Amino acid sequence: MDKILLEQFTAIFADDEYRTSNHISLLANASAFIMELVPDLNWAGFYLWEDRTAQLELGPFQGRLACATIANQNGVCGTAFAQQKALRVANVHEFAGHIACDTATNSEMVLPLTVDGQKMGVLDLDSPKLARFSEQDQEILTALTQKIGALISNN
C-alpha cells in the first residue's frame, strides 16, 4: 500500500460531489473507497459506539454480511476500541476471542476512529490472506482514519 492512497482520499473527499455533513454517508463512501483501493480485502467498514447499548454497532461497510453488534472488549474490534489502539492480527484463528463473521477471513486490522478526541468507533479491515497487514499499512490507514475523523469534525 502506498501513501498516494491518502492523497487520493483527500482529493476525492474535498470535491463537492463527495463532501457531506452526514457522517453516515461519509463513512459509507470511505468504506467503498478503501475496499476499492486497498488490495486483498474481503471486508472494510466501521463499527460505531452506541452509548445507549454500551457496545459497537455495525456501521457502513463493504463486504459480506457482518455481526450487527460487538460487545466492548470482545473480538479484535472490541479490544481495539477498548484499548484505543490499532491492532494487526496476522492470523485471526490464533486471536483469543476472535468473532468469526466471515470464515474466509484470515487476518484483520482494526483502527480506532475518534472525532474531536471522543471515541466514535473503529475501522475494521479483513483479508483472506494470512499476515496481510504490514506496519506501513497500519501507518497509512491510521492517517486515513484520522482524516475521516477530521472530516466528521468539520461538518
N, C-alpha and C. Protein backbone atom coordinates (compact mmCIF):
# COMPACT_ATOMS: atom_id res chain seq x y z
N MET A 1 0.85 -1.17 0.00
CA MET A 1 0.00 0.00 0.00
C MET A 1 0.90 1.23 0.00
N ASP A 2 0.47 2.25 -0.70
CA ASP A 2 1.29 3.44 -0.89
C ASP A 2 0.61 4.67 -0.28
N LYS A 3 1.43 5.65 0.09
CA LYS A 3 0.89 6.87 0.68
C LYS A 3 0.03 7.67 -0.30
N ILE A 4 0.08 7.32 -1.59
CA ILE A 4 -0.76 8.01 -2.56
C ILE A 4 -2.24 7.81 -2.22
N LEU A 5 -2.54 6.75 -1.49
CA LEU A 5 -3.91 6.49 -1.03
C LEU A 5 -4.44 7.69 -0.24
N LEU A 6 -3.60 8.27 0.61
CA LEU A 6 -4.00 9.43 1.41
C LEU A 6 -4.27 10.64 0.52
N GLU A 7 -3.42 10.83 -0.48
CA GLU A 7 -3.61 11.95 -1.42
C GLU A 7 -4.90 11.78 -2.21
N GLN A 8 -5.16 10.55 -2.66
CA GLN A 8 -6.39 10.28 -3.40
C GLN A 8 -7.62 10.55 -2.53
N PHE A 9 -7.58 10.08 -1.30
CA PHE A 9 -8.70 10.28 -0.38
C PHE A 9 -8.95 11.78 -0.17
N THR A 10 -7.88 12.52 0.09
CA THR A 10 -8.00 13.96 0.33
C THR A 10 -8.60 14.66 -0.89
N ALA A 11 -8.13 14.31 -2.07
CA ALA A 11 -8.64 14.94 -3.30
C ALA A 11 -10.11 14.60 -3.55
N ILE A 12 -10.45 13.34 -3.39
CA ILE A 12 -11.83 12.91 -3.65
C ILE A 12 -12.80 13.55 -2.66
N PHE A 13 -12.46 13.51 -1.38
CA PHE A 13 -13.40 13.99 -0.37
C PHE A 13 -13.38 15.50 -0.20
N ALA A 14 -12.50 16.20 -0.94
CA ALA A 14 -12.54 17.66 -1.00
C ALA A 14 -13.52 18.12 -2.06
N ASP A 15 -13.88 17.22 -2.97
CA ASP A 15 -14.80 17.52 -4.07
C ASP A 15 -16.22 17.67 -3.53
N ASP A 16 -16.92 18.69 -3.99
CA ASP A 16 -18.29 18.95 -3.54
C ASP A 16 -19.22 17.75 -3.75
N GLU A 17 -18.92 16.93 -4.75
CA GLU A 17 -19.75 15.77 -5.05
C GLU A 17 -19.72 14.73 -3.92
N TYR A 18 -18.63 14.69 -3.16
CA TYR A 18 -18.47 13.69 -2.11
C TYR A 18 -18.50 14.29 -0.71
N ARG A 19 -18.43 15.61 -0.61
CA ARG A 19 -18.45 16.26 0.71
C ARG A 19 -19.88 16.24 1.24
N THR A 20 -20.03 15.95 2.50
CA THR A 20 -21.35 15.87 3.11
C THR A 20 -21.25 16.16 4.60
N SER A 21 -22.32 16.66 5.17
CA SER A 21 -22.35 16.86 6.61
C SER A 21 -22.91 15.63 7.34
N ASN A 22 -23.34 14.64 6.57
CA ASN A 22 -23.90 13.41 7.13
C ASN A 22 -22.76 12.40 7.32
N HIS A 23 -22.40 12.12 8.56
CA HIS A 23 -21.25 11.24 8.77
C HIS A 23 -21.50 9.81 8.31
N ILE A 24 -22.73 9.35 8.26
CA ILE A 24 -23.01 8.01 7.77
C ILE A 24 -22.71 7.93 6.27
N SER A 25 -23.09 8.96 5.51
CA SER A 25 -22.77 8.99 4.08
C SER A 25 -21.26 9.03 3.87
N LEU A 26 -20.57 9.83 4.67
CA LEU A 26 -19.12 9.92 4.58
C LEU A 26 -18.48 8.56 4.85
N LEU A 27 -18.91 7.88 5.91
CA LEU A 27 -18.35 6.58 6.25
C LEU A 27 -18.68 5.53 5.18
N ALA A 28 -19.85 5.62 4.59
CA ALA A 28 -20.22 4.70 3.51
C ALA A 28 -19.28 4.86 2.33
N ASN A 29 -19.05 6.11 1.92
CA ASN A 29 -18.12 6.34 0.81
C ASN A 29 -16.69 6.01 1.18
N ALA A 30 -16.31 6.26 2.41
CA ALA A 30 -14.95 5.92 2.86
C ALA A 30 -14.73 4.41 2.81
N SER A 31 -15.72 3.62 3.24
CA SER A 31 -15.57 2.17 3.20
C SER A 31 -15.51 1.67 1.75
N ALA A 32 -16.28 2.28 0.85
CA ALA A 32 -16.22 1.91 -0.57
C ALA A 32 -14.86 2.27 -1.15
N PHE A 33 -14.34 3.45 -0.80
CA PHE A 33 -13.02 3.88 -1.25
C PHE A 33 -11.95 2.88 -0.81
N ILE A 34 -11.97 2.50 0.45
CA ILE A 34 -10.98 1.57 0.99
C ILE A 34 -11.09 0.21 0.30
N MET A 35 -12.30 -0.29 0.17
CA MET A 35 -12.50 -1.61 -0.44
C MET A 35 -12.01 -1.62 -1.88
N GLU A 36 -12.21 -0.51 -2.58
CA GLU A 36 -11.81 -0.43 -3.97
C GLU A 36 -10.30 -0.29 -4.14
N LEU A 37 -9.65 0.44 -3.25
CA LEU A 37 -8.24 0.79 -3.47
C LEU A 37 -7.23 0.03 -2.62
N VAL A 38 -7.67 -0.65 -1.59
CA VAL A 38 -6.75 -1.44 -0.77
C VAL A 38 -6.86 -2.89 -1.23
N PRO A 39 -5.78 -3.46 -1.73
CA PRO A 39 -5.85 -4.82 -2.27
C PRO A 39 -6.02 -5.88 -1.19
N ASP A 40 -6.56 -7.01 -1.63
CA ASP A 40 -6.66 -8.23 -0.81
C ASP A 40 -7.53 -8.07 0.43
N LEU A 41 -8.65 -7.37 0.30
CA LEU A 41 -9.62 -7.27 1.40
C LEU A 41 -10.87 -8.05 1.03
N ASN A 42 -11.53 -8.60 2.04
CA ASN A 42 -12.86 -9.17 1.81
C ASN A 42 -13.91 -8.45 2.66
N TRP A 43 -13.48 -7.44 3.45
CA TRP A 43 -14.42 -6.65 4.24
C TRP A 43 -13.72 -5.37 4.67
N ALA A 44 -14.43 -4.26 4.55
CA ALA A 44 -13.91 -2.97 5.02
C ALA A 44 -15.10 -2.16 5.51
N GLY A 45 -15.03 -1.74 6.77
CA GLY A 45 -16.15 -0.96 7.27
C GLY A 45 -15.94 -0.48 8.69
N PHE A 46 -17.01 0.07 9.21
CA PHE A 46 -16.98 0.74 10.50
C PHE A 46 -17.95 0.11 11.49
N TYR A 47 -17.50 0.03 12.72
CA TYR A 47 -18.39 -0.25 13.85
C TYR A 47 -18.39 1.02 14.69
N LEU A 48 -19.57 1.46 15.07
CA LEU A 48 -19.73 2.73 15.78
C LEU A 48 -20.23 2.49 17.20
N TRP A 49 -19.64 3.21 18.15
CA TRP A 49 -20.00 3.06 19.55
C TRP A 49 -21.39 3.63 19.80
N GLU A 50 -22.21 2.87 20.49
CA GLU A 50 -23.56 3.29 20.85
C GLU A 50 -23.63 3.34 22.36
N ASP A 51 -23.71 4.57 22.92
CA ASP A 51 -23.78 4.73 24.37
C ASP A 51 -25.00 4.03 24.97
N ARG A 52 -26.11 4.09 24.25
CA ARG A 52 -27.36 3.54 24.75
C ARG A 52 -27.25 2.05 25.07
N THR A 53 -26.52 1.31 24.22
CA THR A 53 -26.38 -0.13 24.41
C THR A 53 -25.00 -0.52 24.96
N ALA A 54 -24.11 0.46 25.06
CA ALA A 54 -22.73 0.24 25.53
C ALA A 54 -22.03 -0.85 24.74
N GLN A 55 -22.14 -0.75 23.41
CA GLN A 55 -21.46 -1.70 22.53
C GLN A 55 -21.20 -1.06 21.17
N LEU A 56 -20.38 -1.74 20.37
CA LEU A 56 -20.17 -1.31 18.99
C LEU A 56 -21.30 -1.85 18.14
N GLU A 57 -21.81 -1.01 17.24
CA GLU A 57 -22.87 -1.44 16.35
C GLU A 57 -22.42 -1.25 14.91
N LEU A 58 -22.84 -2.15 14.05
CA LEU A 58 -22.44 -2.14 12.65
C LEU A 58 -22.79 -0.82 11.99
N GLY A 59 -21.80 -0.24 11.32
CA GLY A 59 -21.99 0.98 10.55
C GLY A 59 -21.80 0.67 9.07
N PRO A 60 -21.55 1.68 8.27
CA PRO A 60 -21.35 1.48 6.83
C PRO A 60 -20.17 0.55 6.55
N PHE A 61 -20.35 -0.33 5.56
CA PHE A 61 -19.29 -1.29 5.22
C PHE A 61 -19.44 -1.77 3.79
N GLN A 62 -18.40 -2.44 3.33
CA GLN A 62 -18.40 -3.14 2.04
C GLN A 62 -17.96 -4.57 2.33
N GLY A 63 -18.70 -5.53 1.84
CA GLY A 63 -18.34 -6.93 2.04
C GLY A 63 -19.56 -7.77 2.33
N ARG A 64 -19.30 -8.96 2.83
CA ARG A 64 -20.37 -9.90 3.16
C ARG A 64 -21.08 -9.49 4.45
N LEU A 65 -22.15 -10.17 4.76
CA LEU A 65 -22.89 -9.92 6.00
C LEU A 65 -21.93 -9.89 7.18
N ALA A 66 -22.28 -9.05 8.16
CA ALA A 66 -21.39 -8.87 9.30
C ALA A 66 -22.16 -8.94 10.61
N CYS A 67 -21.44 -9.14 11.68
CA CYS A 67 -22.04 -9.12 13.00
C CYS A 67 -22.64 -7.74 13.24
N ALA A 68 -23.84 -7.69 13.77
CA ALA A 68 -24.52 -6.41 13.97
C ALA A 68 -24.02 -5.67 15.19
N THR A 69 -23.60 -6.41 16.22
CA THR A 69 -23.13 -5.76 17.44
C THR A 69 -21.89 -6.50 17.96
N ILE A 70 -21.03 -5.74 18.62
CA ILE A 70 -19.83 -6.30 19.24
C ILE A 70 -19.70 -5.68 20.63
N ALA A 71 -19.66 -6.51 21.63
CA ALA A 71 -19.51 -6.02 23.00
C ALA A 71 -18.14 -5.39 23.19
N ASN A 72 -18.10 -4.37 24.03
CA ASN A 72 -16.84 -3.72 24.36
C ASN A 72 -15.86 -4.77 24.87
N GLN A 73 -14.65 -4.72 24.36
CA GLN A 73 -13.55 -5.62 24.73
C GLN A 73 -13.67 -7.01 24.13
N ASN A 74 -14.65 -7.27 23.26
CA ASN A 74 -14.78 -8.57 22.62
C ASN A 74 -14.22 -8.53 21.20
N GLY A 75 -13.59 -9.64 20.81
CA GLY A 75 -13.05 -9.74 19.47
C GLY A 75 -11.96 -8.70 19.22
N VAL A 76 -11.49 -8.65 17.99
CA VAL A 76 -10.45 -7.69 17.62
C VAL A 76 -11.02 -6.28 17.67
N CYS A 77 -12.23 -6.09 17.17
CA CYS A 77 -12.84 -4.74 17.16
C CYS A 77 -13.07 -4.21 18.56
N GLY A 78 -13.68 -5.00 19.40
CA GLY A 78 -13.97 -4.57 20.76
C GLY A 78 -12.72 -4.32 21.58
N THR A 79 -11.67 -5.11 21.31
CA THR A 79 -10.40 -4.93 22.01
C THR A 79 -9.71 -3.65 21.56
N ALA A 80 -9.66 -3.43 20.24
CA ALA A 80 -9.04 -2.20 19.71
C ALA A 80 -9.77 -0.97 20.21
N PHE A 81 -11.10 -1.04 20.26
CA PHE A 81 -11.88 0.09 20.74
C PHE A 81 -11.60 0.35 22.22
N ALA A 82 -11.62 -0.69 23.03
CA ALA A 82 -11.41 -0.54 24.47
C ALA A 82 -10.01 -0.01 24.78
N GLN A 83 -9.02 -0.49 24.03
CA GLN A 83 -7.63 -0.08 24.27
C GLN A 83 -7.28 1.21 23.53
N GLN A 84 -8.13 1.61 22.58
CA GLN A 84 -7.88 2.79 21.74
C GLN A 84 -6.51 2.72 21.09
N LYS A 85 -6.25 1.55 20.50
CA LYS A 85 -5.02 1.39 19.74
C LYS A 85 -5.28 0.45 18.57
N ALA A 86 -4.48 0.64 17.52
CA ALA A 86 -4.60 -0.21 16.34
C ALA A 86 -4.15 -1.62 16.68
N LEU A 87 -4.86 -2.59 16.12
CA LEU A 87 -4.49 -4.00 16.27
C LEU A 87 -4.34 -4.63 14.90
N ARG A 88 -3.20 -5.25 14.67
CA ARG A 88 -2.95 -6.03 13.46
C ARG A 88 -2.86 -7.49 13.88
N VAL A 89 -3.71 -8.31 13.31
CA VAL A 89 -3.73 -9.73 13.67
C VAL A 89 -3.38 -10.53 12.42
N ALA A 90 -2.21 -11.16 12.44
CA ALA A 90 -1.71 -11.90 11.28
C ALA A 90 -2.56 -13.14 10.99
N ASN A 91 -3.05 -13.78 12.05
CA ASN A 91 -3.88 -14.97 11.90
C ASN A 91 -5.01 -14.90 12.93
N VAL A 92 -6.19 -14.56 12.46
CA VAL A 92 -7.32 -14.36 13.38
C VAL A 92 -7.70 -15.65 14.12
N HIS A 93 -7.34 -16.78 13.57
CA HIS A 93 -7.68 -18.06 14.20
C HIS A 93 -6.86 -18.30 15.47
N GLU A 94 -5.83 -17.50 15.65
CA GLU A 94 -4.99 -17.58 16.84
C GLU A 94 -5.27 -16.46 17.83
N PHE A 95 -6.25 -15.61 17.53
CA PHE A 95 -6.61 -14.50 18.42
C PHE A 95 -7.71 -14.97 19.36
N ALA A 96 -7.40 -15.02 20.64
CA ALA A 96 -8.38 -15.47 21.63
C ALA A 96 -9.61 -14.56 21.60
N GLY A 97 -10.76 -15.15 21.42
CA GLY A 97 -12.00 -14.38 21.40
C GLY A 97 -12.36 -13.80 20.06
N HIS A 98 -11.65 -14.19 19.00
CA HIS A 98 -11.98 -13.68 17.66
C HIS A 98 -13.42 -14.01 17.31
N ILE A 99 -14.13 -13.05 16.74
CA ILE A 99 -15.51 -13.24 16.31
C ILE A 99 -15.48 -13.51 14.81
N ALA A 100 -15.85 -14.70 14.41
CA ALA A 100 -15.76 -15.10 13.00
C ALA A 100 -17.06 -14.80 12.27
N CYS A 101 -17.19 -13.59 11.77
CA CYS A 101 -18.37 -13.23 10.97
C CYS A 101 -18.28 -13.85 9.58
N ASP A 102 -17.06 -13.92 9.04
CA ASP A 102 -16.84 -14.49 7.70
C ASP A 102 -15.70 -15.49 7.82
N THR A 103 -15.98 -16.75 7.56
CA THR A 103 -14.97 -17.79 7.72
C THR A 103 -13.83 -17.66 6.71
N ALA A 104 -13.98 -16.83 5.69
CA ALA A 104 -12.91 -16.62 4.71
C ALA A 104 -11.82 -15.69 5.25
N THR A 105 -12.10 -14.98 6.32
CA THR A 105 -11.14 -14.03 6.88
C THR A 105 -10.02 -14.77 7.61
N ASN A 106 -8.78 -14.39 7.28
CA ASN A 106 -7.62 -14.98 7.94
C ASN A 106 -6.78 -13.95 8.69
N SER A 107 -6.84 -12.69 8.29
CA SER A 107 -6.11 -11.65 9.02
C SER A 107 -7.00 -10.42 9.11
N GLU A 108 -6.67 -9.56 10.09
CA GLU A 108 -7.53 -8.42 10.37
C GLU A 108 -6.70 -7.27 10.93
N MET A 109 -7.13 -6.06 10.59
CA MET A 109 -6.57 -4.87 11.23
C MET A 109 -7.72 -3.97 11.62
N VAL A 110 -7.67 -3.47 12.85
CA VAL A 110 -8.72 -2.60 13.37
C VAL A 110 -8.06 -1.33 13.91
N LEU A 111 -8.62 -0.18 13.52
CA LEU A 111 -8.07 1.11 13.92
C LEU A 111 -9.14 1.94 14.60
N PRO A 112 -8.83 2.53 15.75
CA PRO A 112 -9.81 3.39 16.44
C PRO A 112 -10.17 4.60 15.59
N LEU A 113 -11.43 5.00 15.65
CA LEU A 113 -11.93 6.21 15.00
C LEU A 113 -12.35 7.18 16.09
N THR A 114 -11.70 8.33 16.13
CA THR A 114 -12.06 9.35 17.11
C THR A 114 -12.43 10.64 16.39
N VAL A 115 -13.29 11.40 17.02
CA VAL A 115 -13.70 12.70 16.50
C VAL A 115 -13.60 13.69 17.65
N ASP A 116 -12.78 14.71 17.45
CA ASP A 116 -12.55 15.73 18.49
C ASP A 116 -12.16 15.09 19.83
N GLY A 117 -11.32 14.08 19.76
CA GLY A 117 -10.84 13.42 20.97
C GLY A 117 -11.82 12.46 21.61
N GLN A 118 -12.99 12.31 21.01
CA GLN A 118 -14.02 11.40 21.55
C GLN A 118 -14.04 10.09 20.76
N LYS A 119 -14.15 8.98 21.47
CA LYS A 119 -14.22 7.67 20.82
C LYS A 119 -15.53 7.56 20.04
N MET A 120 -15.41 7.28 18.73
CA MET A 120 -16.60 7.14 17.90
C MET A 120 -16.82 5.69 17.48
N GLY A 121 -15.73 4.95 17.26
CA GLY A 121 -15.86 3.57 16.81
C GLY A 121 -14.54 3.06 16.29
N VAL A 122 -14.61 2.14 15.32
CA VAL A 122 -13.40 1.57 14.73
C VAL A 122 -13.59 1.38 13.23
N LEU A 123 -12.47 1.41 12.53
CA LEU A 123 -12.40 0.96 11.14
C LEU A 123 -11.88 -0.46 11.18
N ASP A 124 -12.61 -1.38 10.58
CA ASP A 124 -12.27 -2.81 10.59
C ASP A 124 -11.97 -3.25 9.17
N LEU A 125 -10.81 -3.88 8.98
CA LEU A 125 -10.40 -4.40 7.68
C LEU A 125 -10.08 -5.87 7.81
N ASP A 126 -10.68 -6.69 6.96
CA ASP A 126 -10.47 -8.14 6.97
C ASP A 126 -9.87 -8.57 5.64
N SER A 127 -9.05 -9.61 5.69
CA SER A 127 -8.44 -10.14 4.48
C SER A 127 -8.45 -11.67 4.51
N PRO A 128 -8.61 -12.28 3.34
CA PRO A 128 -8.50 -13.74 3.28
C PRO A 128 -7.04 -14.21 3.34
N LYS A 129 -6.09 -13.28 3.19
CA LYS A 129 -4.66 -13.63 3.24
C LYS A 129 -4.14 -13.59 4.68
N LEU A 130 -3.35 -14.55 5.05
CA LEU A 130 -2.68 -14.52 6.33
C LEU A 130 -1.63 -13.40 6.32
N ALA A 131 -1.46 -12.73 7.45
CA ALA A 131 -0.45 -11.68 7.61
C ALA A 131 -0.55 -10.62 6.50
N ARG A 132 -1.75 -10.25 6.14
CA ARG A 132 -1.97 -9.29 5.05
C ARG A 132 -1.46 -7.89 5.39
N PHE A 133 -1.57 -7.47 6.65
CA PHE A 133 -1.35 -6.07 7.01
C PHE A 133 0.05 -5.84 7.59
N SER A 134 0.73 -4.85 7.02
CA SER A 134 2.09 -4.51 7.45
C SER A 134 2.06 -3.29 8.37
N GLU A 135 3.22 -2.99 8.93
CA GLU A 135 3.36 -1.79 9.75
C GLU A 135 3.10 -0.55 8.91
N GLN A 136 3.57 -0.56 7.65
CA GLN A 136 3.33 0.57 6.75
C GLN A 136 1.83 0.73 6.47
N ASP A 137 1.14 -0.38 6.25
CA ASP A 137 -0.32 -0.33 6.06
C ASP A 137 -0.98 0.33 7.27
N GLN A 138 -0.53 -0.07 8.45
CA GLN A 138 -1.10 0.48 9.68
C GLN A 138 -0.87 1.99 9.75
N GLU A 139 0.32 2.44 9.42
CA GLU A 139 0.62 3.87 9.44
C GLU A 139 -0.27 4.64 8.47
N ILE A 140 -0.38 4.14 7.25
CA ILE A 140 -1.18 4.82 6.23
C ILE A 140 -2.66 4.82 6.61
N LEU A 141 -3.17 3.68 7.07
CA LEU A 141 -4.59 3.60 7.40
C LEU A 141 -4.91 4.32 8.70
N THR A 142 -3.96 4.46 9.59
CA THR A 142 -4.16 5.29 10.78
C THR A 142 -4.32 6.74 10.35
N ALA A 143 -3.46 7.19 9.45
CA ALA A 143 -3.57 8.57 8.93
C ALA A 143 -4.90 8.76 8.20
N LEU A 144 -5.33 7.75 7.45
CA LEU A 144 -6.62 7.84 6.75
C LEU A 144 -7.77 7.93 7.75
N THR A 145 -7.71 7.13 8.79
CA THR A 145 -8.76 7.16 9.82
C THR A 145 -8.79 8.52 10.51
N GLN A 146 -7.63 9.12 10.72
CA GLN A 146 -7.57 10.46 11.31
C GLN A 146 -8.19 11.49 10.37
N LYS A 147 -7.97 11.34 9.06
CA LYS A 147 -8.59 12.24 8.09
C LYS A 147 -10.11 12.10 8.10
N ILE A 148 -10.59 10.88 8.24
CA ILE A 148 -12.04 10.64 8.30
C ILE A 148 -12.61 11.32 9.55
N GLY A 149 -11.94 11.15 10.69
CA GLY A 149 -12.38 11.81 11.93
C GLY A 149 -12.40 13.32 11.78
N ALA A 150 -11.40 13.87 11.11
CA ALA A 150 -11.34 15.34 10.90
C ALA A 150 -12.47 15.81 10.00
N LEU A 151 -12.79 15.02 8.97
CA LEU A 151 -13.91 15.40 8.09
C LEU A 151 -15.23 15.41 8.86
N ILE A 152 -15.41 14.41 9.70
CA ILE A 152 -16.65 14.37 10.52
C ILE A 152 -16.69 15.57 11.44
N SER A 153 -15.55 15.89 12.05
CA SER A 153 -15.47 17.01 12.99
C SER A 153 -15.78 18.34 12.31
N ASN A 154 -15.36 18.49 11.06
CA ASN A 154 -15.51 19.76 10.36
C ASN A 154 -16.88 19.94 9.73
N ASN A 155 -17.75 18.94 9.86
CA ASN A 155 -19.08 19.06 9.25
C ASN A 155 -20.14 19.43 10.25
